[in-house]
Amino acid sequence: MLAMVTGPVRSGKSVFAESKVAAHGPRVLYVATFRRDPADPEMEDRVRLHQRRRPAEWTTLEAPEDPAAALAGVADDHDALLLDCLAVLVGNWVWEAAPLAPDASVAPAPVVARAHALADERLGSLLQALSRLCCPAVVVTNEVGWGVVPPTPLGRLFRDVLGRCNQRMAAAADEVHLLVSGIPLRIKPGAAT
Protein backbone atom coordinates (compact mmCIF):
# COMPACT_ATOMS: atom_id res chain seq x y z
CA MET A 1 0.00 0.00 0.00
CA LEU A 2 1.32 3.42 -1.01
CA ALA A 3 -0.30 6.61 0.27
CA MET A 4 0.56 10.17 -0.68
CA VAL A 5 -0.13 13.11 1.64
CA THR A 6 -0.09 16.51 -0.04
CA GLY A 7 -1.13 20.06 0.61
CA PRO A 8 0.25 23.52 1.24
CA VAL A 9 3.02 24.37 3.68
CA ARG A 10 1.98 24.22 7.35
CA SER A 11 -1.24 22.37 6.59
CA GLY A 12 -0.54 19.47 8.98
CA LYS A 13 0.75 16.97 6.41
CA SER A 14 3.62 15.56 8.46
CA VAL A 15 1.59 15.10 11.64
CA PHE A 16 -1.19 13.38 9.67
CA ALA A 17 1.33 11.13 7.88
CA GLU A 18 3.06 10.27 11.15
CA SER A 19 -0.24 9.18 12.68
CA LYS A 20 -0.98 7.12 9.58
CA VAL A 21 2.25 5.11 9.75
CA ALA A 22 2.13 4.81 13.55
CA ALA A 23 -1.19 2.98 13.20
CA HIS A 24 0.68 0.08 11.54
CA GLY A 25 3.00 -0.57 14.48
CA PRO A 26 5.98 0.83 16.34
CA ARG A 27 8.73 -0.10 13.87
CA VAL A 28 8.59 2.79 11.42
CA LEU A 29 11.34 3.67 8.99
CA TYR A 30 11.42 7.46 8.60
CA VAL A 31 13.17 8.51 5.38
CA ALA A 32 14.36 12.10 5.84
CA THR A 33 15.12 13.98 2.62
CA PHE A 34 16.39 17.31 3.94
CA ARG A 35 20.04 18.03 3.21
CA ARG A 36 21.32 19.24 6.59
CA ASP A 37 23.01 22.64 6.60
CA PRO A 38 24.30 23.87 9.97
CA ALA A 39 24.63 27.34 8.40
CA ASP A 40 20.81 27.55 8.28
CA PRO A 41 19.70 27.62 11.94
CA GLU A 42 16.02 28.19 11.12
CA MET A 43 15.86 24.97 9.07
CA GLU A 44 17.85 23.12 11.72
CA ASP A 45 15.13 24.15 14.21
CA ARG A 46 12.51 22.67 11.89
CA VAL A 47 14.48 19.43 11.67
CA ARG A 48 14.72 19.24 15.47
CA LEU A 49 10.95 19.77 15.76
CA HIS A 50 10.33 16.81 13.44
CA GLN A 51 12.87 14.70 15.35
CA ARG A 52 11.28 15.46 18.75
CA ARG A 53 7.86 14.39 17.44
CA ARG A 54 9.08 10.98 16.31
CA PRO A 55 8.91 8.07 18.74
CA ALA A 56 12.26 6.74 19.93
CA GLU A 57 11.70 3.32 18.34
CA TRP A 58 11.44 4.78 14.84
CA THR A 59 14.51 4.38 12.66
CA THR A 60 15.66 7.41 10.68
CA LEU A 61 17.33 7.04 7.30
CA GLU A 62 18.75 10.28 5.93
CA ALA A 63 18.54 10.10 2.13
CA PRO A 64 18.63 13.60 0.60
CA GLU A 65 19.81 12.51 -2.85
CA ASP A 66 18.71 9.00 -3.74
CA PRO A 67 16.35 7.28 -1.30
CA ALA A 68 15.91 4.30 -3.63
CA ALA A 69 19.60 3.49 -3.36
CA ALA A 70 19.54 4.09 0.40
CA LEU A 71 16.55 1.75 0.80
CA ALA A 72 18.39 -1.04 -1.02
CA GLY A 73 20.63 -1.50 2.01
CA VAL A 74 17.86 -1.49 4.64
CA ALA A 75 16.29 -4.63 6.09
CA ASP A 76 12.62 -4.94 5.18
CA ASP A 77 11.43 -5.61 8.72
CA HIS A 78 9.50 -2.42 9.41
CA ASP A 79 5.80 -2.00 10.11
CA ALA A 80 5.61 1.07 7.83
CA LEU A 81 7.74 3.60 5.98
CA LEU A 82 7.35 7.38 5.96
CA LEU A 83 9.20 9.53 3.42
CA ASP A 84 9.09 13.20 4.38
CA CYS A 85 9.24 15.04 2.03
CA LEU A 86 9.15 14.55 -1.74
CA ALA A 87 9.15 18.32 -2.35
CA VAL A 88 12.42 18.72 -0.45
CA LEU A 89 13.85 15.76 -2.34
CA VAL A 90 12.84 17.25 -5.70
CA GLY A 91 14.42 20.53 -4.63
CA ASN A 92 17.67 18.65 -4.01
CA TRP A 93 17.45 17.02 -7.45
CA VAL A 94 16.74 20.31 -9.20
CA TRP A 95 19.65 22.00 -7.44
CA GLU A 96 21.96 19.08 -8.32
CA ALA A 97 20.99 19.21 -12.01
CA ALA A 98 20.55 22.98 -12.36
CA PRO A 99 22.57 24.97 -9.81
CA LEU A 100 21.36 28.34 -11.10
CA ALA A 101 22.14 31.51 -9.24
CA PRO A 102 19.01 32.70 -7.40
CA ASP A 103 19.11 35.92 -9.42
CA ALA A 104 19.58 34.22 -12.82
CA SER A 105 17.29 35.79 -15.40
CA VAL A 106 16.81 32.66 -17.49
CA ALA A 107 17.12 28.87 -17.18
CA PRO A 108 18.81 27.55 -20.35
CA ALA A 109 16.89 24.77 -22.09
CA PRO A 110 19.64 22.16 -21.49
CA VAL A 111 19.57 22.94 -17.76
CA VAL A 112 15.79 22.58 -17.66
CA ALA A 113 15.98 19.29 -19.57
CA ARG A 114 18.71 17.98 -17.25
CA ALA A 115 16.62 18.77 -14.15
CA HIS A 116 13.53 17.04 -15.55
CA ALA A 117 15.56 14.01 -16.66
CA LEU A 118 17.27 13.58 -13.28
CA ALA A 119 13.97 13.89 -11.41
CA ASP A 120 12.25 11.44 -13.79
CA GLU A 121 15.04 8.90 -13.33
CA ARG A 122 15.28 9.19 -9.54
CA LEU A 123 11.52 9.21 -9.04
CA GLY A 124 11.19 6.10 -11.21
CA SER A 125 13.77 4.35 -9.04
CA LEU A 126 12.01 5.51 -5.88
CA LEU A 127 8.63 4.25 -7.09
CA GLN A 128 10.18 0.85 -7.89
CA ALA A 129 11.80 0.68 -4.45
CA LEU A 130 8.51 1.57 -2.74
CA SER A 131 6.62 -1.06 -4.76
CA ARG A 132 9.01 -3.76 -3.51
CA LEU A 133 8.41 -3.00 0.18
CA CYS A 134 6.60 -5.53 2.34
CA CYS A 135 5.12 -2.75 4.47
CA PRO A 136 2.81 0.21 3.82
CA ALA A 137 4.51 3.44 2.74
CA VAL A 138 3.41 7.06 3.09
CA VAL A 139 5.02 9.87 1.10
CA VAL A 140 4.58 13.51 2.12
CA THR A 141 4.84 16.27 -0.49
CA ASN A 142 3.81 19.89 -1.05
CA GLU A 143 1.48 21.55 -3.48
CA VAL A 144 3.49 24.60 -4.54
CA GLY A 145 1.60 25.63 -7.67
CA TRP A 146 -1.37 27.24 -5.92
CA GLY A 147 0.37 30.48 -5.05
CA VAL A 148 2.02 33.20 -7.06
CA VAL A 149 4.30 32.32 -9.96
CA PRO A 150 7.86 32.24 -8.57
CA PRO A 151 9.81 35.33 -9.67
CA THR A 152 12.99 33.40 -10.57
CA PRO A 153 13.75 30.78 -13.22
CA LEU A 154 15.03 28.41 -10.52
CA GLY A 155 11.78 28.76 -8.56
CA ARG A 156 9.68 28.14 -11.66
CA LEU A 157 11.80 25.13 -12.62
CA PHE A 158 11.36 23.64 -9.13
CA ARG A 159 7.59 24.23 -9.26
CA ASP A 160 7.32 22.55 -12.67
CA VAL A 161 9.49 19.54 -11.81
CA LEU A 162 7.69 19.02 -8.49
CA GLY A 163 4.30 19.24 -10.22
CA ARG A 164 5.29 16.43 -12.60
CA CYS A 165 6.73 14.32 -9.78
CA ASN A 166 3.60 14.82 -7.67
CA GLN A 167 1.44 13.68 -10.58
CA ARG A 168 3.51 10.51 -11.01
CA MET A 169 3.47 9.78 -7.28
CA ALA A 170 -0.30 10.31 -7.09
CA ALA A 171 -0.86 8.04 -10.09
CA ALA A 172 1.17 5.27 -8.42
CA ALA A 173 -0.41 5.74 -4.98
CA ASP A 174 -3.30 3.62 -3.77
CA GLU A 175 -4.65 6.61 -1.87
CA VAL A 176 -4.01 10.35 -1.80
CA HIS A 177 -4.86 12.72 1.02
CA LEU A 178 -4.99 16.50 0.70
CA LEU A 179 -4.51 18.47 3.91
CA VAL A 180 -6.18 21.88 4.09
CA SER A 181 -5.83 23.89 7.30
CA GLY A 182 -5.18 20.70 9.24
CA ILE A 183 -8.18 18.88 7.78
CA PRO A 184 -7.44 15.74 5.75
CA LEU A 185 -9.48 15.16 2.61
CA ARG A 186 -9.15 11.78 0.92
CA ILE A 187 -9.02 12.63 -2.79
CA LYS A 188 -8.07 9.24 -4.20
CA PRO A 189 -9.83 6.13 -2.93
CA GLY A 190 -7.87 3.06 -1.94
CA ALA A 191 -7.64 0.30 0.61
CA ALA A 192 -8.54 1.39 4.11
CA THR A 193 -5.58 1.68 6.44
C-alpha atoms as a PDB file:
ATOM      1  CA  MET A   1       0.000   0.000   0.000  1.00  0.00           C
ATOM      2  CA  LEU A   2       1.319   3.415  -1.007  1.00  0.00           C
ATOM      3  CA  ALA A   3      -0.298   6.606   0.266  1.00  0.00           C
ATOM      4  CA  MET A   4       0.556  10.170  -0.679  1.00  0.00           C
ATOM      5  CA  VAL A   5      -0.134  13.108   1.636  1.00  0.00           C
ATOM      6  CA  THR A   6      -0.085  16.507  -0.044  1.00  0.00           C
ATOM      7  CA  GLY A   7      -1.130  20.064   0.613  1.00  0.00           C
ATOM      8  CA  PRO A   8       0.247  23.521   1.236  1.00  0.00           C
ATOM      9  CA  VAL A   9       3.023  24.370   3.675  1.00  0.00           C
ATOM     10  CA  ARG A  10       1.977  24.222   7.351  1.00  0.00           C
ATOM     11  CA  SER A  11      -1.243  22.367   6.593  1.00  0.00           C
ATOM     12  CA  GLY A  12      -0.542  19.465   8.979  1.00  0.00           C
ATOM     13  CA  LYS A  13       0.749  16.970   6.410  1.00  0.00           C
ATOM     14  CA  SER A  14       3.620  15.561   8.461  1.00  0.00           C
ATOM     15  CA  VAL A  15       1.588  15.105  11.645  1.00  0.00           C
ATOM     16  CA  PHE A  16      -1.186  13.381   9.666  1.00  0.00           C
ATOM     17  CA  ALA A  17       1.334  11.128   7.876  1.00  0.00           C
ATOM     18  CA  GLU A  18       3.064  10.275  11.153  1.00  0.00           C
ATOM     19  CA  SER A  19      -0.237   9.178  12.682  1.00  0.00           C
ATOM     20  CA  LYS A  20      -0.984   7.124   9.580  1.00  0.00           C
ATOM     21  CA  VAL A  21       2.251   5.111   9.748  1.00  0.00           C
ATOM     22  CA  ALA A  22       2.135   4.805  13.553  1.00  0.00           C
ATOM     23  CA  ALA A  23      -1.189   2.976  13.205  1.00  0.00           C
ATOM     24  CA  HIS A  24       0.679   0.081  11.545  1.00  0.00           C
ATOM     25  CA  GLY A  25       2.998  -0.573  14.484  1.00  0.00           C
ATOM     26  CA  PRO A  26       5.983   0.832  16.340  1.00  0.00           C
ATOM     27  CA  ARG A  27       8.735  -0.104  13.867  1.00  0.00           C
ATOM     28  CA  VAL A  28       8.586   2.786  11.418  1.00  0.00           C
ATOM     29  CA  LEU A  29      11.344   3.668   8.988  1.00  0.00           C
ATOM     30  CA  TYR A  30      11.420   7.459   8.597  1.00  0.00           C
ATOM     31  CA  VAL A  31      13.174   8.509   5.380  1.00  0.00           C
ATOM     32  CA  ALA A  32      14.357  12.105   5.839  1.00  0.00           C
ATOM     33  CA  THR A  33      15.124  13.976   2.620  1.00  0.00           C
ATOM     34  CA  PHE A  34      16.388  17.311   3.944  1.00  0.00           C
ATOM     35  CA  ARG A  35      20.035  18.026   3.205  1.00  0.00           C
ATOM     36  CA  ARG A  36      21.325  19.242   6.587  1.00  0.00           C
ATOM     37  CA  ASP A  37      23.010  22.645   6.596  1.00  0.00           C
ATOM     38  CA  PRO A  38      24.302  23.869   9.969  1.00  0.00           C
ATOM     39  CA  ALA A  39      24.634  27.342   8.405  1.00  0.00           C
ATOM     40  CA  ASP A  40      20.811  27.545   8.284  1.00  0.00           C
ATOM     41  CA  PRO A  41      19.698  27.618  11.943  1.00  0.00           C
ATOM     42  CA  GLU A  42      16.020  28.193  11.116  1.00  0.00           C
ATOM     43  CA  MET A  43      15.856  24.974   9.066  1.00  0.00           C
ATOM     44  CA  GLU A  44      17.853  23.118  11.716  1.00  0.00           C
ATOM     45  CA  ASP A  45      15.134  24.150  14.205  1.00  0.00           C
ATOM     46  CA  ARG A  46      12.506  22.671  11.891  1.00  0.00           C
ATOM     47  CA  VAL A  47      14.485  19.427  11.666  1.00  0.00           C
ATOM     48  CA  ARG A  48      14.718  19.237  15.465  1.00  0.00           C
ATOM     49  CA  LEU A  49      10.946  19.772  15.756  1.00  0.00           C
ATOM     50  CA  HIS A  50      10.329  16.808  13.439  1.00  0.00           C
ATOM     51  CA  GLN A  51      12.867  14.703  15.350  1.00  0.00           C
ATOM     52  CA  ARG A  52      11.275  15.456  18.748  1.00  0.00           C
ATOM     53  CA  ARG A  53       7.857  14.392  17.441  1.00  0.00           C
ATOM     54  CA  ARG A  54       9.082  10.976  16.306  1.00  0.00           C
ATOM     55  CA  PRO A  55       8.908   8.067  18.745  1.00  0.00           C
ATOM     56  CA  ALA A  56      12.264   6.741  19.926  1.00  0.00           C
ATOM     57  CA  GLU A  57      11.696   3.318  18.344  1.00  0.00           C
ATOM     58  CA  TRP A  58      11.439   4.776  14.842  1.00  0.00           C
ATOM     59  CA  THR A  59      14.505   4.385  12.658  1.00  0.00           C
ATOM     60  CA  THR A  60      15.662   7.413  10.682  1.00  0.00           C
ATOM     61  CA  LEU A  61      17.332   7.039   7.299  1.00  0.00           C
ATOM     62  CA  GLU A  62      18.749  10.280   5.926  1.00  0.00           C
ATOM     63  CA  ALA A  63      18.538  10.103   2.133  1.00  0.00           C
ATOM     64  CA  PRO A  64      18.634  13.598   0.605  1.00  0.00           C
ATOM     65  CA  GLU A  65      19.810  12.508  -2.848  1.00  0.00           C
ATOM     66  CA  ASP A  66      18.708   8.996  -3.743  1.00  0.00           C
ATOM     67  CA  PRO A  67      16.350   7.282  -1.297  1.00  0.00           C
ATOM     68  CA  ALA A  68      15.910   4.304  -3.632  1.00  0.00           C
ATOM     69  CA  ALA A  69      19.604   3.489  -3.364  1.00  0.00           C
ATOM     70  CA  ALA A  70      19.539   4.086   0.399  1.00  0.00           C
ATOM     71  CA  LEU A  71      16.548   1.749   0.802  1.00  0.00           C
ATOM     72  CA  ALA A  72      18.393  -1.040  -1.017  1.00  0.00           C
ATOM     73  CA  GLY A  73      20.627  -1.498   2.012  1.00  0.00           C
ATOM     74  CA  VAL A  74      17.864  -1.490   4.638  1.00  0.00           C
ATOM     75  CA  ALA A  75      16.293  -4.626   6.092  1.00  0.00           C
ATOM     76  CA  ASP A  76      12.616  -4.942   5.180  1.00  0.00           C
ATOM     77  CA  ASP A  77      11.425  -5.608   8.720  1.00  0.00           C
ATOM     78  CA  HIS A  78       9.496  -2.415   9.412  1.00  0.00           C
ATOM     79  CA  ASP A  79       5.796  -2.001  10.108  1.00  0.00           C
ATOM     80  CA  ALA A  80       5.612   1.069   7.833  1.00  0.00           C
ATOM     81  CA  LEU A  81       7.741   3.596   5.981  1.00  0.00           C
ATOM     82  CA  LEU A  82       7.350   7.375   5.955  1.00  0.00           C
ATOM     83  CA  LEU A  83       9.196   9.526   3.417  1.00  0.00           C
ATOM     84  CA  ASP A  84       9.090  13.204   4.380  1.00  0.00           C
ATOM     85  CA  CYS A  85       9.236  15.040   2.032  1.00  0.00           C
ATOM     86  CA  LEU A  86       9.152  14.555  -1.740  1.00  0.00           C
ATOM     87  CA  ALA A  87       9.146  18.323  -2.346  1.00  0.00           C
ATOM     88  CA  VAL A  88      12.420  18.716  -0.455  1.00  0.00           C
ATOM     89  CA  LEU A  89      13.852  15.760  -2.340  1.00  0.00           C
ATOM     90  CA  VAL A  90      12.839  17.249  -5.702  1.00  0.00           C
ATOM     91  CA  GLY A  91      14.425  20.528  -4.634  1.00  0.00           C
ATOM     92  CA  ASN A  92      17.674  18.646  -4.011  1.00  0.00           C
ATOM     93  CA  TRP A  93      17.452  17.019  -7.448  1.00  0.00           C
ATOM     94  CA  VAL A  94      16.739  20.314  -9.204  1.00  0.00           C
ATOM     95  CA  TRP A  95      19.650  21.997  -7.443  1.00  0.00           C
ATOM     96  CA  GLU A  96      21.957  19.080  -8.324  1.00  0.00           C
ATOM     97  CA  ALA A  97      20.988  19.213 -12.006  1.00  0.00           C
ATOM     98  CA  ALA A  98      20.548  22.981 -12.355  1.00  0.00           C
ATOM     99  CA  PRO A  99      22.571  24.971  -9.812  1.00  0.00           C
ATOM    100  CA  LEU A 100      21.359  28.337 -11.098  1.00  0.00           C
ATOM    101  CA  ALA A 101      22.137  31.514  -9.243  1.00  0.00           C
ATOM    102  CA  PRO A 102      19.010  32.697  -7.399  1.00  0.00           C
ATOM    103  CA  ASP A 103      19.111  35.918  -9.421  1.00  0.00           C
ATOM    104  CA  ALA A 104      19.580  34.218 -12.821  1.00  0.00           C
ATOM    105  CA  SER A 105      17.294  35.790 -15.397  1.00  0.00           C
ATOM    106  CA  VAL A 106      16.808  32.659 -17.490  1.00  0.00           C
ATOM    107  CA  ALA A 107      17.120  28.874 -17.180  1.00  0.00           C
ATOM    108  CA  PRO A 108      18.811  27.554 -20.348  1.00  0.00           C
ATOM    109  CA  ALA A 109      16.889  24.767 -22.093  1.00  0.00           C
ATOM    110  CA  PRO A 110      19.639  22.157 -21.490  1.00  0.00           C
ATOM    111  CA  VAL A 111      19.571  22.937 -17.758  1.00  0.00           C
ATOM    112  CA  VAL A 112      15.785  22.584 -17.662  1.00  0.00           C
ATOM    113  CA  ALA A 113      15.978  19.290 -19.574  1.00  0.00           C
ATOM    114  CA  ARG A 114      18.705  17.984 -17.251  1.00  0.00           C
ATOM    115  CA  ALA A 115      16.616  18.774 -14.150  1.00  0.00           C
ATOM    116  CA  HIS A 116      13.526  17.039 -15.549  1.00  0.00           C
ATOM    117  CA  ALA A 117      15.563  14.011 -16.661  1.00  0.00           C
ATOM    118  CA  LEU A 118      17.266  13.576 -13.284  1.00  0.00           C
ATOM    119  CA  ALA A 119      13.966  13.889 -11.413  1.00  0.00           C
ATOM    120  CA  ASP A 120      12.247  11.445 -13.787  1.00  0.00           C
ATOM    121  CA  GLU A 121      15.037   8.900 -13.331  1.00  0.00           C
ATOM    122  CA  ARG A 122      15.283   9.188  -9.541  1.00  0.00           C
ATOM    123  CA  LEU A 123      11.517   9.213  -9.037  1.00  0.00           C
ATOM    124  CA  GLY A 124      11.191   6.104 -11.205  1.00  0.00           C
ATOM    125  CA  SER A 125      13.772   4.349  -9.040  1.00  0.00           C
ATOM    126  CA  LEU A 126      12.012   5.508  -5.880  1.00  0.00           C
ATOM    127  CA  LEU A 127       8.627   4.249  -7.088  1.00  0.00           C
ATOM    128  CA  GLN A 128      10.182   0.854  -7.886  1.00  0.00           C
ATOM    129  CA  ALA A 129      11.797   0.685  -4.447  1.00  0.00           C
ATOM    130  CA  LEU A 130       8.508   1.565  -2.739  1.00  0.00           C
ATOM    131  CA  SER A 131       6.618  -1.057  -4.757  1.00  0.00           C
ATOM    132  CA  ARG A 132       9.008  -3.760  -3.505  1.00  0.00           C
ATOM    133  CA  LEU A 133       8.406  -2.999   0.177  1.00  0.00           C
ATOM    134  CA  CYS A 134       6.604  -5.534   2.339  1.00  0.00           C
ATOM    135  CA  CYS A 135       5.116  -2.750   4.469  1.00  0.00           C
ATOM    136  CA  PRO A 136       2.812   0.215   3.815  1.00  0.00           C
ATOM    137  CA  ALA A 137       4.512   3.444   2.738  1.00  0.00           C
ATOM    138  CA  VAL A 138       3.412   7.062   3.092  1.00  0.00           C
ATOM    139  CA  VAL A 139       5.019   9.873   1.097  1.00  0.00           C
ATOM    140  CA  VAL A 140       4.575  13.512   2.115  1.00  0.00           C
ATOM    141  CA  THR A 141       4.837  16.266  -0.493  1.00  0.00           C
ATOM    142  CA  ASN A 142       3.814  19.887  -1.047  1.00  0.00           C
ATOM    143  CA  GLU A 143       1.482  21.554  -3.478  1.00  0.00           C
ATOM    144  CA  VAL A 144       3.495  24.602  -4.539  1.00  0.00           C
ATOM    145  CA  GLY A 145       1.603  25.628  -7.673  1.00  0.00           C
ATOM    146  CA  TRP A 146      -1.372  27.238  -5.922  1.00  0.00           C
ATOM    147  CA  GLY A 147       0.366  30.485  -5.053  1.00  0.00           C
ATOM    148  CA  VAL A 148       2.021  33.201  -7.061  1.00  0.00           C
ATOM    149  CA  VAL A 149       4.303  32.322  -9.957  1.00  0.00           C
ATOM    150  CA  PRO A 150       7.862  32.238  -8.573  1.00  0.00           C
ATOM    151  CA  PRO A 151       9.808  35.327  -9.669  1.00  0.00           C
ATOM    152  CA  THR A 152      12.991  33.404 -10.566  1.00  0.00           C
ATOM    153  CA  PRO A 153      13.748  30.782 -13.217  1.00  0.00           C
ATOM    154  CA  LEU A 154      15.032  28.414 -10.518  1.00  0.00           C
ATOM    155  CA  GLY A 155      11.781  28.764  -8.559  1.00  0.00           C
ATOM    156  CA  ARG A 156       9.677  28.142 -11.663  1.00  0.00           C
ATOM    157  CA  LEU A 157      11.798  25.133 -12.620  1.00  0.00           C
ATOM    158  CA  PHE A 158      11.364  23.644  -9.133  1.00  0.00           C
ATOM    159  CA  ARG A 159       7.590  24.227  -9.261  1.00  0.00           C
ATOM    160  CA  ASP A 160       7.318  22.552 -12.670  1.00  0.00           C
ATOM    161  CA  VAL A 161       9.487  19.545 -11.810  1.00  0.00           C
ATOM    162  CA  LEU A 162       7.691  19.020  -8.493  1.00  0.00           C
ATOM    163  CA  GLY A 163       4.302  19.241 -10.223  1.00  0.00           C
ATOM    164  CA  ARG A 164       5.286  16.433 -12.599  1.00  0.00           C
ATOM    165  CA  CYS A 165       6.728  14.323  -9.777  1.00  0.00           C
ATOM    166  CA  ASN A 166       3.601  14.816  -7.667  1.00  0.00           C
ATOM    167  CA  GLN A 167       1.441  13.679 -10.583  1.00  0.00           C
ATOM    168  CA  ARG A 168       3.510  10.513 -11.011  1.00  0.00           C
ATOM    169  CA  MET A 169       3.473   9.776  -7.276  1.00  0.00           C
ATOM    170  CA  ALA A 170      -0.298  10.309  -7.089  1.00  0.00           C
ATOM    171  CA  ALA A 171      -0.861   8.036 -10.090  1.00  0.00           C
ATOM    172  CA  ALA A 172       1.167   5.272  -8.418  1.00  0.00           C
ATOM    173  CA  ALA A 173      -0.414   5.743  -4.982  1.00  0.00           C
ATOM    174  CA  ASP A 174      -3.301   3.619  -3.766  1.00  0.00           C
ATOM    175  CA  GLU A 175      -4.653   6.606  -1.872  1.00  0.00           C
ATOM    176  CA  VAL A 176      -4.006  10.346  -1.804  1.00  0.00           C
ATOM    177  CA  HIS A 177      -4.863  12.715   1.015  1.00  0.00           C
ATOM    178  CA  LEU A 178      -4.989  16.495   0.695  1.00  0.00           C
ATOM    179  CA  LEU A 179      -4.510  18.473   3.906  1.00  0.00           C
ATOM    180  CA  VAL A 180      -6.181  21.878   4.088  1.00  0.00           C
ATOM    181  CA  SER A 181      -5.832  23.894   7.304  1.00  0.00           C
ATOM    182  CA  GLY A 182      -5.176  20.699   9.244  1.00  0.00           C
ATOM    183  CA  ILE A 183      -8.177  18.879   7.783  1.00  0.00           C
ATOM    184  CA  PRO A 184      -7.440  15.739   5.749  1.00  0.00           C
ATOM    185  CA  LEU A 185      -9.485  15.159   2.610  1.00  0.00           C
ATOM    186  CA  ARG A 186      -9.151  11.777   0.921  1.00  0.00           C
ATOM    187  CA  ILE A 187      -9.025  12.632  -2.792  1.00  0.00           C
ATOM    188  CA  LYS A 188      -8.065   9.244  -4.200  1.00  0.00           C
ATOM    189  CA  PRO A 189      -9.834   6.129  -2.926  1.00  0.00           C
ATOM    190  CA  GLY A 190      -7.869   3.061  -1.936  1.00  0.00           C
ATOM    191  CA  ALA A 191      -7.644   0.296   0.607  1.00  0.00           C
ATOM    192  CA  ALA A 192      -8.543   1.393   4.111  1.00  0.00           C
ATOM    193  CA  THR A 193      -5.578   1.676   6.441  1.00  0.00           C
END
